[in-house]
């Protein structure tokens, strides 16, 4: 039997009766008689939630489907069995379903939601154009809808109402991308020492044109405190076709370059994870001029705690050095002390930002601050491992 299939998915359209353009197909599905020799086949969603009824969700906010559904013929053909549901994809949020969408209550550190810029108080209106949350008397789960509408590249658009400004914006959520990280080890010649206050900078450069100098796409910094070799990691941005890239590194103290790579190391591409070990060379401070431990400890107490050392305080830290601890351990101990934390008003955000500034010499960017907050929370507020991790890992 020839039938006319009317699909109710025109963007922003209102369906009143039969549209002017229809497609002729041969169907063996639920059908309703509309005239001799013809039947009207309803576009039926066959997932486990909708049974055999019209899907009233729409691809665009504000567009609706109106008009009655004809009564089914008693001997209508059977509807195809429901398709299996795709496994939900986790955004990494705690949320509340509402009539206006899915309200974000909290965002998990390191999640897709955090990478996409979602924040508590935001409301996800739809996923790939399909409403989520409470729609009529049904709940449309955001994880289910993400799994249904994510594309082959692992991307799905979220229409979000900003909880601070009320503005609507489309956020591209990205799932399951392969790592494109650049990581490796920094080595320096044996016998060369640098002050423990030195900072290493590793950069990803665009070297497409010969005249381009210091065109850094991204960079990471970490203190030298524990000496060489040092592991690093860079997360590059998306590459530009026909461009060439390279990695270099340098060690600086008080604005002076002590060590650096002799030339940037060229990369084959930015489309995959790769290891690039770097060797630093140059004129570093010789061992006899290294910082005297007692003087360094006194400087840290004055700088971090805002006061001179108390009687025997320096000696206590020197005793730790004699028992096998390093200067970096002493620095971490002072930065994680209750006195230093109280100088930051016992406030997590002020504390993590000032630790970063003391270690790297510059305040954190908003993205770095968010990462610092997540690291502190993962450490469950235990300050010593938080500081030690910052001493060892690039930022």
Protein backbone atom coordinates (compact mmCIF):
# COMPACT_ATOMS: atom_id res chain seq x y z
CA UNK A 1 0.00 0.00 0.00
CA UNK A 2 1.36 3.40 -0.92
CA UNK A 3 1.32 5.92 1.91
CA UNK A 4 2.35 9.52 2.53
CA UNK A 5 4.92 10.08 5.31
CA UNK A 6 4.62 13.45 7.04
CA UNK A 7 7.67 14.27 9.24
CA UNK A 8 7.18 16.88 11.92
CA UNK A 9 10.85 18.03 12.19
CA UNK A 10 10.95 21.22 10.16
CA UNK A 11 13.06 23.74 12.04
CA UNK A 12 10.94 26.43 13.61
CA UNK A 13 7.80 25.27 11.76
CA UNK A 14 4.27 24.78 13.02
CA UNK A 15 2.54 21.68 11.70
CA UNK A 16 -1.14 22.38 10.98
CA UNK A 17 -2.57 19.58 8.88
CA UNK A 18 -0.44 18.23 6.03
CA UNK A 19 2.64 20.21 4.80
CA UNK A 20 2.85 21.14 1.14
CA UNK A 21 5.89 18.91 0.53
CA UNK A 22 5.65 15.22 1.39
CA UNK A 23 7.57 12.11 0.42
CA UNK A 24 6.07 8.95 -1.00
CA UNK A 25 7.36 5.85 0.72
CA UNK A 26 6.26 2.31 1.30
CA UNK A 27 5.63 1.78 5.02
CA UNK A 28 4.61 -1.09 7.23
CA UNK A 29 4.09 0.99 10.40
CA UNK A 30 1.35 2.64 12.43
CA UNK A 31 -0.98 4.33 9.88
CA UNK A 32 -4.21 6.30 9.92
CA UNK A 33 -6.67 6.40 7.01
CA UNK A 34 -7.05 9.85 5.41
CA UNK A 35 -8.72 8.96 2.12
CA UNK A 36 -9.30 6.22 -0.41
CA UNK A 37 -6.11 4.39 -1.23
CA UNK A 38 -3.93 6.64 0.96
CA UNK A 39 -2.91 6.67 4.62
CA UNK A 40 -1.07 9.19 6.81
CA UNK A 41 1.97 7.63 8.56
CA UNK A 42 2.87 9.39 11.84
CA UNK A 43 6.62 9.92 12.51
CA UNK A 44 6.83 7.91 15.73
CA UNK A 45 9.79 7.96 18.15
CA UNK A 46 10.41 4.34 19.15
CA UNK A 47 12.67 4.64 22.18
CA UNK A 48 11.65 3.11 25.49
CA UNK A 49 10.32 6.38 26.89
CA UNK A 50 7.84 7.56 24.27
CA UNK A 51 5.68 4.48 23.53
CA UNK A 52 3.56 5.15 20.40
CA UNK A 53 2.91 8.87 20.69
CA UNK A 54 4.10 12.05 19.11
CA UNK A 55 7.49 13.38 20.22
CA UNK A 56 6.58 16.94 21.17
CA UNK A 57 10.18 18.02 21.67
CA UNK A 58 11.43 20.38 18.99
CA UNK A 59 14.77 21.18 17.49
CA UNK A 60 14.53 24.90 18.22
CA UNK A 61 13.29 26.65 21.35
CA UNK A 62 9.87 28.20 20.79
CA UNK A 63 8.81 26.10 17.82
CA UNK A 64 5.88 23.79 18.52
CA UNK A 65 3.84 21.06 16.87
CA UNK A 66 0.09 21.72 16.85
CA UNK A 67 -2.95 19.89 15.49
CA UNK A 68 -4.76 16.75 16.55
CA UNK A 69 -3.60 13.22 15.92
CA UNK A 70 -6.19 11.17 13.95
CA UNK A 71 -7.60 8.13 15.70
CA UNK A 72 -5.75 4.95 14.72
CA UNK A 73 -7.42 2.31 12.59
CA UNK A 74 -8.31 -0.74 14.64
CA UNK A 75 -6.32 -3.09 12.42
CA UNK A 76 -3.23 -0.88 12.14
CA UNK A 77 0.07 -2.56 11.37
CA UNK A 78 2.42 -3.29 14.26
CA UNK A 79 5.08 -0.74 15.19
CA UNK A 80 8.73 -1.72 14.94
CA UNK A 81 10.37 -2.85 18.17
CA UNK A 82 12.19 -0.14 20.13
CA UNK A 83 15.86 0.32 19.26
CA UNK A 84 18.43 -0.20 21.99
CA UNK A 85 19.43 2.94 23.87
CA UNK A 86 22.98 4.21 23.52
CA UNK A 87 24.91 4.28 26.78
CA UNK A 88 24.72 7.70 28.47
CA UNK A 89 27.80 9.91 28.16
CA UNK A 90 28.78 11.61 31.42
CA UNK A 91 29.12 15.39 31.32
CA UNK A 92 30.44 15.32 34.87
CA UNK A 93 27.74 17.35 36.63
CA UNK A 94 25.30 17.10 39.50
CA UNK A 95 22.05 18.50 38.16
CA UNK A 96 18.37 19.10 38.80
CA UNK A 97 15.66 18.47 36.18
CA UNK A 98 13.28 21.41 35.81
CA UNK A 99 10.53 22.47 33.41
CA UNK A 100 12.96 24.89 31.75
CA UNK A 101 15.88 22.48 31.39
CA UNK A 102 18.60 20.80 33.44
CA UNK A 103 19.99 23.10 36.14
CA UNK A 104 23.68 22.51 36.92
CA UNK A 105 24.22 22.16 40.67
CA UNK A 106 27.96 21.30 40.63
CA UNK A 107 30.68 20.52 38.08
CA UNK A 108 33.23 17.74 38.60
CA UNK A 109 36.90 18.77 38.25
CA UNK A 110 38.49 17.51 35.04
CA UNK A 111 35.13 16.68 33.47
CA UNK A 112 33.80 17.42 29.99
CA UNK A 113 31.45 19.94 31.61
CA UNK A 114 34.35 21.85 33.18
CA UNK A 115 36.30 21.82 29.90
CA UNK A 116 33.21 23.15 28.12
CA UNK A 117 32.87 26.06 30.55
CA UNK A 118 29.70 24.96 32.36
CA UNK A 119 29.33 26.39 35.87
CA UNK A 120 26.93 25.84 38.77
CA UNK A 121 23.74 27.82 38.18
CA UNK A 122 23.78 27.35 34.40
CA UNK A 123 20.78 25.63 32.80
CA UNK A 124 21.09 23.25 29.83
CA UNK A 125 18.03 23.96 27.67
CA UNK A 126 18.59 21.42 24.92
CA UNK A 127 21.13 18.95 23.55
CA UNK A 128 21.61 18.91 19.80
CA UNK A 129 18.31 20.82 19.51
CA UNK A 130 16.32 18.41 21.71
CA UNK A 131 14.90 19.66 24.98
CA UNK A 132 16.08 18.07 28.23
CA UNK A 133 14.74 18.04 31.76
CA UNK A 134 11.01 17.96 32.45
CA UNK A 135 8.98 18.02 29.22
CA UNK A 136 5.33 17.62 30.08
CA UNK A 137 5.11 14.63 32.41
CA UNK A 138 8.35 13.05 31.20
CA UNK A 139 12.00 13.42 32.15
CA UNK A 140 14.48 13.54 29.27
CA UNK A 141 17.88 12.74 30.75
CA UNK A 142 20.75 14.95 29.59
CA UNK A 143 23.20 12.01 29.50
CA UNK A 144 20.87 9.98 27.29
CA UNK A 145 20.39 12.87 24.88
CA UNK A 146 24.12 13.53 24.67
CA UNK A 147 24.71 9.87 23.76
CA UNK A 148 22.04 10.05 21.05
CA UNK A 149 23.18 13.25 19.39
CA UNK A 150 26.98 13.25 19.74
CA UNK A 151 28.61 13.20 16.30
CA UNK A 152 31.41 11.02 14.99
CA UNK A 153 34.01 13.55 16.19
CA UNK A 154 32.72 13.30 19.76
CA UNK A 155 31.04 16.73 19.69
CA UNK A 156 27.53 17.76 20.66
CA UNK A 157 26.10 21.31 21.00
CA UNK A 158 24.44 22.35 24.26
CA UNK A 159 22.09 25.33 24.39
CA UNK A 160 22.81 26.86 27.81
CA UNK A 161 21.34 29.74 29.78
CA UNK A 162 24.16 31.44 31.68
CA UNK A 163 23.34 31.45 35.39
CA UNK A 164 25.10 34.77 35.98
CA UNK A 165 23.90 36.85 33.02
CA UNK A 166 20.81 35.00 31.80
CA UNK A 167 22.22 35.00 28.26
CA UNK A 168 21.63 32.03 25.94
CA UNK A 169 24.67 30.54 24.26
CA UNK A 170 25.57 27.34 22.40
CA UNK A 171 28.46 25.46 23.98
CA UNK A 172 30.23 22.68 22.05
CA UNK A 173 30.88 19.75 24.41
CA UNK A 174 33.74 17.51 23.33
CA UNK A 175 33.94 13.82 24.30
CA UNK A 176 36.51 11.12 23.80
CA UNK A 177 39.19 12.93 21.86
CA UNK A 178 42.56 11.26 21.55
CA UNK A 179 45.37 12.88 23.50
CA UNK A 180 47.58 15.29 21.55
CA UNK A 181 49.82 16.07 24.49
CA UNK A 182 53.52 16.80 24.06
CA UNK A 183 55.53 15.41 26.95
CA UNK A 184 59.09 14.52 27.71
CA UNK A 185 62.09 15.07 29.99
CA UNK A 186 64.32 18.13 30.38
CA UNK A 187 67.99 17.32 30.95
CA UNK A 188 70.89 19.57 31.95
CA UNK A 189 74.65 18.88 31.97
CA UNK A 190 75.99 17.27 35.13
CA UNK A 191 77.86 19.59 37.45
CA UNK A 192 75.79 22.64 36.60
CA UNK A 193 73.60 24.00 39.36
CA UNK A 194 70.95 26.67 39.26
CA UNK A 195 69.35 28.56 42.15
CA UNK A 196 66.29 26.76 43.57
CA UNK A 197 64.27 29.88 42.79
CA UNK A 198 64.81 29.39 39.04
CA UNK A 199 61.85 28.74 36.76
CA UNK A 200 61.71 26.50 33.67
CA UNK A 201 59.62 27.60 30.70
CA UNK A 202 58.71 25.12 27.93
CA UNK A 203 57.10 26.61 24.81
CA UNK A 204 55.26 25.37 21.73
CA UNK A 205 56.27 27.62 18.82
CA UNK A 206 54.82 28.25 15.38
CA UNK A 207 57.90 28.28 13.09
CA UNK A 208 56.10 28.32 9.74
CA UNK A 209 57.84 31.49 8.50
CA UNK A 210 61.62 32.03 8.86
CA UNK A 211 61.14 35.57 10.17
CA UNK A 212 58.82 34.46 12.98
CA UNK A 213 60.55 34.64 16.34
CA UNK A 214 59.08 33.61 19.68
CA UNK A 215 55.56 33.01 18.30
CA UNK A 216 54.47 30.85 21.25
CA UNK A 217 51.10 29.10 20.95
CA UNK A 218 51.22 27.80 24.53
CA UNK A 219 53.75 27.35 27.29
CA UNK A 220 54.19 25.68 30.66
CA UNK A 221 56.24 26.74 33.66
CA UNK A 222 57.58 24.87 36.66
CA UNK A 223 60.21 25.53 39.33
CA UNK A 224 63.63 23.91 39.24
CA UNK A 225 63.49 23.33 43.01
CA UNK A 226 64.20 19.58 42.88
CA UNK A 227 66.83 19.68 40.14
CA UNK A 228 67.16 17.78 36.87
CA UNK A 229 65.92 15.74 35.07
CA UNK A 230 62.45 17.32 35.02
CA UNK A 231 59.32 15.95 33.33
CA UNK A 232 57.02 18.32 31.44
CA UNK A 233 53.74 18.22 29.52
CA UNK A 234 52.13 20.63 27.05
CA UNK A 235 48.55 20.45 25.75
CA UNK A 236 48.62 22.10 22.31
CA UNK A 237 45.72 23.93 20.67
CA UNK A 238 44.27 22.78 17.35
CA UNK A 239 46.83 22.91 14.56
CA UNK A 240 46.57 25.06 11.44
CA UNK A 241 47.00 23.28 8.07
CA UNK A 242 50.38 23.79 6.39
CA UNK A 243 51.94 25.26 9.56
CA UNK A 244 55.08 23.92 11.19
CA UNK A 245 55.71 23.70 14.94
CA UNK A 246 58.61 23.23 17.35
CA UNK A 247 59.34 23.05 21.09
CA UNK A 248 62.01 24.86 23.08
CA UNK A 249 62.84 25.45 26.76
CA UNK A 250 64.83 27.77 28.97
CA UNK A 251 65.69 28.28 32.65
CA UNK A 252 65.51 31.78 34.12
CA UNK A 253 66.19 33.35 37.47
CA UNK A 254 65.39 36.97 38.29
CA UNK A 255 64.93 37.68 34.58
CA UNK A 256 68.29 36.18 33.52
CA UNK A 257 68.46 33.17 31.18
CA UNK A 258 70.72 30.53 32.71
CA UNK A 259 70.05 27.52 30.48
CA UNK A 260 68.23 26.99 27.20
CA UNK A 261 67.90 24.61 24.26
CA UNK A 262 70.40 25.38 21.52
CA UNK A 263 67.59 25.39 18.93
CA UNK A 264 63.86 24.51 18.84
CA UNK A 265 63.06 20.83 18.23
CA UNK A 266 60.76 20.47 15.20
CA UNK A 267 57.56 18.43 15.53
CA UNK A 268 56.11 16.17 12.85
CA UNK A 269 52.52 17.23 13.67
CA UNK A 270 50.17 18.25 16.48
CA UNK A 271 47.61 15.55 15.71
CA UNK A 272 48.89 12.87 18.08
CA UNK A 273 50.53 12.44 21.45
CA UNK A 274 54.30 12.50 21.23
CA UNK A 275 57.40 12.49 23.41
CA UNK A 276 60.05 15.17 22.95
CA UNK A 277 63.06 15.12 25.30
CA UNK A 278 65.00 18.39 25.50
CA UNK A 279 68.59 19.09 26.51
CA UNK A 280 69.44 22.44 28.08
CA UNK A 281 72.84 24.09 27.75
CA UNK A 282 74.38 27.38 28.80
CA UNK A 283 76.10 29.13 31.67
CA UNK A 284 74.54 28.23 34.99
CA UNK A 285 75.65 29.20 38.47
CA UNK A 286 78.58 27.04 39.65
CA UNK A 287 78.31 25.05 42.85
CA UNK A 288 80.37 27.41 45.12
CA UNK A 289 77.88 30.25 44.60
CA UNK A 290 74.82 28.12 45.40
CA UNK A 291 72.38 29.54 47.92
CA UNK A 292 73.36 29.00 51.55
CA UNK A 293 70.52 26.93 53.14
CA UNK A 294 70.20 29.08 56.26
CA UNK A 295 70.03 32.29 54.22
CA UNK A 296 67.46 30.76 51.84
CA UNK A 297 65.26 29.59 54.74
CA UNK A 298 65.42 33.01 56.39
CA UNK A 299 64.47 34.66 53.10
CA UNK A 300 61.46 32.35 52.66
CA UNK A 301 60.23 33.00 56.22
CA UNK A 302 60.48 36.75 55.69
CA UNK A 303 58.85 36.62 52.24
CA UNK A 304 56.11 34.07 52.87
CA UNK A 305 55.26 34.81 56.51
CA UNK A 306 56.01 38.55 56.53
CA UNK A 307 58.28 38.47 59.58
CA UNK A 308 61.88 37.62 60.53
CA UNK A 309 62.64 34.11 61.79
CA UNK A 310 61.89 33.45 65.45
CA UNK A 311 64.66 32.18 67.76
CA UNK A 312 65.77 28.69 66.74
CA UNK A 313 63.23 28.58 63.88
CA UNK A 314 65.93 28.44 61.21
CA UNK A 315 67.77 25.78 63.18
CA UNK A 316 64.69 23.57 63.24
CA UNK A 317 64.45 23.66 59.45
CA UNK A 318 68.21 23.07 59.13
CA UNK A 319 67.80 19.97 61.30
CA UNK A 320 65.27 18.68 58.76
CA UNK A 321 67.91 19.12 56.04
CA UNK A 322 70.39 17.12 58.07
CA UNK A 323 67.85 14.31 58.33
CA UNK A 324 67.65 14.02 54.56
CA UNK A 325 65.02 16.55 53.52
CA UNK A 326 65.69 18.96 50.66
CA UNK A 327 65.37 22.74 50.45
CA UNK A 328 62.29 22.16 48.33
CA UNK A 329 60.77 20.18 51.23
CA UNK A 330 61.47 23.11 53.55
CA UNK A 331 59.89 25.53 51.09
CA UNK A 332 56.81 23.31 50.81
CA UNK A 333 56.60 23.08 54.60
CA UNK A 334 56.55 26.87 54.99
CA UNK A 335 54.06 27.39 52.17
CA UNK A 336 51.73 24.73 53.61
CA UNK A 337 51.95 25.98 57.21
CA UNK A 338 48.90 27.16 59.12
CA UNK A 339 50.53 30.57 59.57
CA UNK A 340 50.88 31.09 55.83
CA UNK A 341 47.31 29.84 55.24
CA UNK A 342 45.96 32.25 57.85
CA UNK A 343 47.81 35.13 56.15
CA UNK A 344 45.56 34.36 53.16
CA UNK A 345 42.50 34.72 55.47
CA UNK A 346 42.15 30.92 55.53
CA UNK A 347 40.56 31.29 52.09
CA UNK A 348 41.16 28.54 49.54
CA UNK A 349 41.11 30.79 46.48
CA UNK A 350 43.46 33.40 47.96
CA UNK A 351 45.77 30.66 49.22
CA UNK A 352 46.18 28.70 45.96
CA UNK A 353 46.68 31.91 43.96
CA UNK A 354 49.40 33.19 46.31
CA UNK A 355 51.23 29.84 46.40
CA UNK A 356 51.30 29.92 42.60
CA UNK A 357 52.60 33.50 42.62
CA UNK A 358 55.35 32.66 45.12
CA UNK A 359 56.51 29.64 43.11
CA UNK A 360 56.28 31.10 39.60
CA UNK A 361 56.65 34.82 40.13
CA UNK A 362 53.39 35.74 38.38
CA UNK A 363 49.71 35.56 39.37
CA UNK A 364 47.68 32.69 37.84
CA UNK A 365 45.44 33.25 34.85
CA UNK A 366 41.71 32.52 35.32
CA UNK A 367 42.19 29.08 33.71
CA UNK A 368 45.20 28.34 35.92
CA UNK A 369 43.26 29.47 39.01
CA UNK A 370 40.43 27.07 38.18
CA UNK A 371 42.97 24.25 37.83
CA UNK A 372 44.59 25.20 41.15
CA UNK A 373 41.22 25.11 42.89
CA UNK A 374 40.53 21.67 41.44
CA UNK A 375 43.95 20.38 42.56
CA UNK A 376 43.37 21.71 46.08
CA UNK A 377 39.96 20.05 46.24
CA UNK A 378 41.41 16.74 45.02
CA UNK A 379 43.95 16.98 47.86
CA UNK A 380 40.94 17.39 50.19
CA UNK A 381 42.40 20.58 51.63
CA UNK A 382 45.66 18.93 52.75
CA UNK A 383 48.11 21.66 51.84
CA UNK A 384 51.50 19.90 51.86
CA UNK A 385 50.83 17.47 48.97
CA UNK A 386 49.13 20.31 47.07
CA UNK A 387 52.29 22.46 47.29
CA UNK A 388 54.62 19.54 46.51
CA UNK A 389 52.60 18.74 43.39
CA UNK A 390 52.97 22.33 42.19
CA UNK A 391 56.71 22.18 42.78
CA UNK A 392 57.06 19.12 40.53
CA UNK A 393 54.54 19.59 37.73
CA UNK A 394 54.40 22.14 34.89
CA UNK A 395 51.63 24.68 34.77
